[in-house]
Amino acid sequence: MDASQLRSMAESYKQAILAKKPEIDKMMEKLKQIPVDKIMSDEAKGIREQMDTLNKSIAALKERLNIYINKLKEKGGDISGLEI
């Protein structure tokens, strides 16, 4: 892949990661609304499991993003704006 293709792939991974942020924020709000005495409830557990799944997905996307960023660096390409 040339530098422009690498940058394009990195940008698509960055956008995929950023697209998941509203989902995480939404789940955090749901979790905050659960009363303290119900924090161990099935509902709270389900939300935490969904957040864990999303966090794992984001971690995998970040790993791939970093691969493209590193390859782009090797080719002397511009990596500005790709950081998260």
Protein backbone atom coordinates (compact mmCIF):
# COMPACT_ATOMS: atom_id res chain seq x y z
CA MET A 1 0.00 0.00 0.00
CA ASP A 2 1.19 3.49 -0.69
CA ALA A 3 1.07 6.33 1.84
CA SER A 4 -2.29 7.69 0.66
CA GLN A 5 -3.92 4.26 0.94
CA LEU A 6 -2.45 3.76 4.41
CA ARG A 7 -3.71 7.18 5.50
CA SER A 8 -7.15 6.44 4.10
CA MET A 9 -7.34 3.16 6.02
CA ALA A 10 -6.13 4.84 9.22
CA GLU A 11 -8.75 7.57 8.82
CA SER A 12 -11.50 4.98 8.38
CA TYR A 13 -10.43 3.21 11.59
CA LYS A 14 -10.32 6.52 13.44
CA GLN A 15 -13.86 7.31 12.28
CA ALA A 16 -15.07 3.85 13.33
CA ILE A 17 -13.62 4.41 16.80
CA LEU A 18 -15.12 7.89 17.12
CA ALA A 19 -18.51 6.54 16.00
CA LYS A 20 -18.58 4.25 19.03
CA LYS A 21 -18.11 7.08 21.54
CA PRO A 22 -21.80 8.11 21.58
CA GLU A 23 -22.74 4.49 22.31
CA ILE A 24 -20.39 4.39 25.30
CA ASP A 25 -21.70 7.76 26.53
CA LYS A 26 -25.28 6.52 26.23
CA MET A 27 -24.51 3.40 28.25
CA MET A 28 -22.69 5.43 30.89
CA GLU A 29 -25.78 7.61 31.28
CA LYS A 30 -27.98 4.53 31.68
CA LEU A 31 -25.60 3.16 34.29
CA LYS A 32 -25.59 6.47 36.19
CA GLN A 33 -29.39 6.43 36.34
CA ILE A 34 -29.48 3.09 38.13
CA PRO A 35 -29.91 3.57 41.88
CA VAL A 36 -26.95 2.55 44.02
CA ASP A 37 -28.91 -0.27 45.65
CA LYS A 38 -29.60 -1.76 42.19
CA ILE A 39 -26.05 -1.48 40.82
CA MET A 40 -25.66 -5.26 40.99
CA SER A 41 -28.98 -5.89 39.22
CA ASP A 42 -29.33 -7.80 35.97
CA GLU A 43 -30.01 -4.53 34.15
CA ALA A 44 -26.76 -2.98 35.38
CA LYS A 45 -24.88 -6.18 34.64
CA GLY A 46 -26.23 -6.16 31.08
CA ILE A 47 -25.13 -2.58 30.56
CA ARG A 48 -21.66 -3.33 31.91
CA GLU A 49 -21.39 -6.35 29.60
CA GLN A 50 -22.39 -4.22 26.60
CA MET A 51 -19.81 -1.62 27.59
CA ASP A 52 -17.17 -4.32 27.93
CA THR A 53 -17.99 -5.61 24.44
CA LEU A 54 -17.78 -2.09 23.02
CA ASN A 55 -14.50 -1.41 24.81
CA LYS A 56 -13.03 -4.62 23.38
CA SER A 57 -14.20 -3.60 19.92
CA ILE A 58 -12.63 -0.16 20.33
CA ALA A 59 -9.37 -1.71 21.55
CA ALA A 60 -9.25 -3.94 18.46
CA LEU A 61 -9.92 -0.95 16.18
CA LYS A 62 -7.22 1.08 17.93
CA GLU A 63 -4.77 -1.77 17.46
CA ARG A 64 -5.46 -1.82 13.72
CA LEU A 65 -5.34 1.97 13.55
CA ASN A 66 -1.90 1.92 15.15
CA ILE A 67 -0.69 -0.65 12.60
CA TYR A 68 -1.64 1.70 9.76
CA ILE A 69 -0.16 4.71 11.54
CA ASN A 70 3.12 2.87 12.07
CA LYS A 71 3.26 1.75 8.43
CA LEU A 72 2.50 5.30 7.36
CA LYS A 73 5.36 6.57 9.56
CA GLU A 74 7.69 4.03 7.95
CA LYS A 75 6.82 5.41 4.53
CA GLY A 76 7.34 8.97 5.70
CA GLY A 77 3.67 9.84 5.39
CA ASP A 78 1.77 12.52 7.28
CA ILE A 79 0.17 11.13 10.44
CA SER A 80 -1.17 14.43 11.76
CA GLY A 81 -4.80 14.26 12.80
CA LEU A 82 -4.85 10.47 13.07
CA GLU A 83 -4.28 10.31 16.81
CA ILE A 84 -7.17 9.61 19.13
